[in-house]
């Protein structure tokens, strides 16, 4: 690896997980926080006395479940081939 003197002014690449400041989660939220994910609801919480219910959603591209408040979900008709859609929500 080059010394820092040799790197000054050069374009470089690096993994998000290698970022020290700000936290990698902040970088991801800034870059992708408004992207839409698609998945299939596999379970719902019993909201009971809570003000809102949550859905357990399997996201194929992530190969895991995520938990999202149902008030943030938008139903999609038909089958979705893409798990993550690179379109931004309109503010």
C-alpha atoms as a PDB file:
ATOM      1  CA  UNK A   1       0.000   0.000   0.000  1.00  0.00           C
ATOM      2  CA  UNK A   2       1.190   3.503  -0.756  1.00  0.00           C
ATOM      3  CA  UNK A   3       2.127   5.839   2.050  1.00  0.00           C
ATOM      4  CA  UNK A   4      -0.342   8.577   2.843  1.00  0.00           C
ATOM      5  CA  UNK A   5       1.945  11.103   1.133  1.00  0.00           C
ATOM      6  CA  UNK A   6       1.705   9.147  -2.136  1.00  0.00           C
ATOM      7  CA  UNK A   7      -2.103   8.833  -1.858  1.00  0.00           C
ATOM      8  CA  UNK A   8      -2.888  12.517  -1.382  1.00  0.00           C
ATOM      9  CA  UNK A   9      -5.046  13.767  -4.278  1.00  0.00           C
ATOM     10  CA  UNK A  10      -5.581  10.281  -5.748  1.00  0.00           C
ATOM     11  CA  UNK A  11      -8.933   8.594  -6.370  1.00  0.00           C
ATOM     12  CA  UNK A  12      -9.328   5.405  -4.361  1.00  0.00           C
ATOM     13  CA  UNK A  13     -11.914   2.714  -3.646  1.00  0.00           C
ATOM     14  CA  UNK A  14     -12.777   1.003  -0.360  1.00  0.00           C
ATOM     15  CA  UNK A  15     -15.490  -1.037   1.316  1.00  0.00           C
ATOM     16  CA  UNK A  16     -18.236   0.718   3.256  1.00  0.00           C
ATOM     17  CA  UNK A  17     -17.440  -1.568   6.183  1.00  0.00           C
ATOM     18  CA  UNK A  18     -13.911  -0.104   6.262  1.00  0.00           C
ATOM     19  CA  UNK A  19     -15.174   3.445   6.903  1.00  0.00           C
ATOM     20  CA  UNK A  20     -14.250   4.693  10.390  1.00  0.00           C
ATOM     21  CA  UNK A  21     -16.142   8.000  10.418  1.00  0.00           C
ATOM     22  CA  UNK A  22     -19.068   8.390  10.054  1.00  0.00           C
ATOM     23  CA  UNK A  23     -20.367   4.979  11.127  1.00  0.00           C
ATOM     24  CA  UNK A  24     -20.843   2.571   8.182  1.00  0.00           C
ATOM     25  CA  UNK A  25     -24.590   2.403   8.984  1.00  0.00           C
ATOM     26  CA  UNK A  26     -24.838   6.173   8.497  1.00  0.00           C
ATOM     27  CA  UNK A  27     -23.123   5.898   5.103  1.00  0.00           C
ATOM     28  CA  UNK A  28     -25.511   3.126   4.030  1.00  0.00           C
ATOM     29  CA  UNK A  29     -28.543   5.069   5.215  1.00  0.00           C
ATOM     30  CA  UNK A  30     -27.408   8.147   3.282  1.00  0.00           C
ATOM     31  CA  UNK A  31     -26.703   6.207   0.083  1.00  0.00           C
ATOM     32  CA  UNK A  32     -29.568   3.724   0.119  1.00  0.00           C
ATOM     33  CA  UNK A  33     -31.991   4.766   2.842  1.00  0.00           C
ATOM     34  CA  UNK A  34     -34.687   5.764   0.344  1.00  0.00           C
ATOM     35  CA  UNK A  35     -34.369   2.702  -1.915  1.00  0.00           C
ATOM     36  CA  UNK A  36     -37.288   0.311  -1.962  1.00  0.00           C
ATOM     37  CA  UNK A  37     -36.914  -3.316  -0.905  1.00  0.00           C
ATOM     38  CA  UNK A  38     -39.372  -5.992  -1.956  1.00  0.00           C
ATOM     39  CA  UNK A  39     -40.180  -9.077   0.033  1.00  0.00           C
ATOM     40  CA  UNK A  40     -42.891 -11.433   1.183  1.00  0.00           C
ATOM     41  CA  UNK A  41     -44.664 -11.025   4.515  1.00  0.00           C
ATOM     42  CA  UNK A  42     -44.105 -14.227   6.479  1.00  0.00           C
ATOM     43  CA  UNK A  43     -45.564 -13.206   9.824  1.00  0.00           C
ATOM     44  CA  UNK A  44     -47.276 -10.355  11.659  1.00  0.00           C
ATOM     45  CA  UNK A  45     -46.869  -9.314  15.248  1.00  0.00           C
ATOM     46  CA  UNK A  46     -49.824  -9.180  17.559  1.00  0.00           C
ATOM     47  CA  UNK A  47     -49.948  -5.459  18.199  1.00  0.00           C
ATOM     48  CA  UNK A  48     -51.827  -6.084  21.453  1.00  0.00           C
ATOM     49  CA  UNK A  49     -51.666  -2.860  23.432  1.00  0.00           C
ATOM     50  CA  UNK A  50     -49.004  -1.377  21.182  1.00  0.00           C
ATOM     51  CA  UNK A  51     -49.953   1.461  18.877  1.00  0.00           C
ATOM     52  CA  UNK A  52     -48.716  -0.315  15.752  1.00  0.00           C
ATOM     53  CA  UNK A  53     -48.143  -3.795  14.370  1.00  0.00           C
ATOM     54  CA  UNK A  54     -45.001  -5.071  12.682  1.00  0.00           C
ATOM     55  CA  UNK A  55     -44.519  -7.424   9.744  1.00  0.00           C
ATOM     56  CA  UNK A  56     -41.775 -10.022   9.368  1.00  0.00           C
ATOM     57  CA  UNK A  57     -40.705  -9.884   5.718  1.00  0.00           C
ATOM     58  CA  UNK A  58     -38.394 -12.275   3.875  1.00  0.00           C
ATOM     59  CA  UNK A  59     -36.149 -10.362   1.459  1.00  0.00           C
ATOM     60  CA  UNK A  60     -34.624 -12.788  -1.044  1.00  0.00           C
ATOM     61  CA  UNK A  61     -31.646 -10.602  -1.942  1.00  0.00           C
ATOM     62  CA  UNK A  62     -30.682 -10.250   1.719  1.00  0.00           C
ATOM     63  CA  UNK A  63     -31.441 -13.948   2.361  1.00  0.00           C
ATOM     64  CA  UNK A  64     -32.994 -13.034   5.687  1.00  0.00           C
ATOM     65  CA  UNK A  65     -36.052 -11.631   7.399  1.00  0.00           C
ATOM     66  CA  UNK A  66     -36.483  -7.981   8.290  1.00  0.00           C
ATOM     67  CA  UNK A  67     -39.040  -6.446  10.635  1.00  0.00           C
ATOM     68  CA  UNK A  68     -40.914  -3.328   9.483  1.00  0.00           C
ATOM     69  CA  UNK A  69     -43.827  -1.405  10.975  1.00  0.00           C
ATOM     70  CA  UNK A  70     -46.905  -2.163   8.857  1.00  0.00           C
ATOM     71  CA  UNK A  71     -47.609   1.559   8.431  1.00  0.00           C
ATOM     72  CA  UNK A  72     -44.512   1.753   6.194  1.00  0.00           C
ATOM     73  CA  UNK A  73     -45.546  -1.058   3.820  1.00  0.00           C
ATOM     74  CA  UNK A  74     -46.882  -0.599   0.304  1.00  0.00           C
ATOM     75  CA  UNK A  75     -48.624  -3.583  -1.252  1.00  0.00           C
ATOM     76  CA  UNK A  76     -47.295  -4.704  -4.631  1.00  0.00           C
ATOM     77  CA  UNK A  77     -49.603  -6.487  -7.051  1.00  0.00           C
ATOM     78  CA  UNK A  78     -48.335  -9.547  -8.911  1.00  0.00           C
ATOM     79  CA  UNK A  79     -44.904 -11.067  -8.612  1.00  0.00           C
ATOM     80  CA  UNK A  80     -41.792  -9.007  -8.183  1.00  0.00           C
ATOM     81  CA  UNK A  81     -38.613 -10.307  -9.813  1.00  0.00           C
ATOM     82  CA  UNK A  82     -36.279  -7.731  -8.318  1.00  0.00           C
ATOM     83  CA  UNK A  83     -35.729  -7.698  -4.581  1.00  0.00           C
ATOM     84  CA  UNK A  84     -34.238  -4.235  -4.418  1.00  0.00           C
ATOM     85  CA  UNK A  85     -35.509  -1.548  -6.726  1.00  0.00           C
ATOM     86  CA  UNK A  86     -33.164   1.317  -7.452  1.00  0.00           C
ATOM     87  CA  UNK A  87     -35.826   3.937  -7.646  1.00  0.00           C
ATOM     88  CA  UNK A  88     -36.229   6.686  -5.102  1.00  0.00           C
ATOM     89  CA  UNK A  89     -39.409   7.434  -3.209  1.00  0.00           C
ATOM     90  CA  UNK A  90     -40.878  10.782  -4.019  1.00  0.00           C
ATOM     91  CA  UNK A  91     -40.601  13.052  -1.026  1.00  0.00           C
END
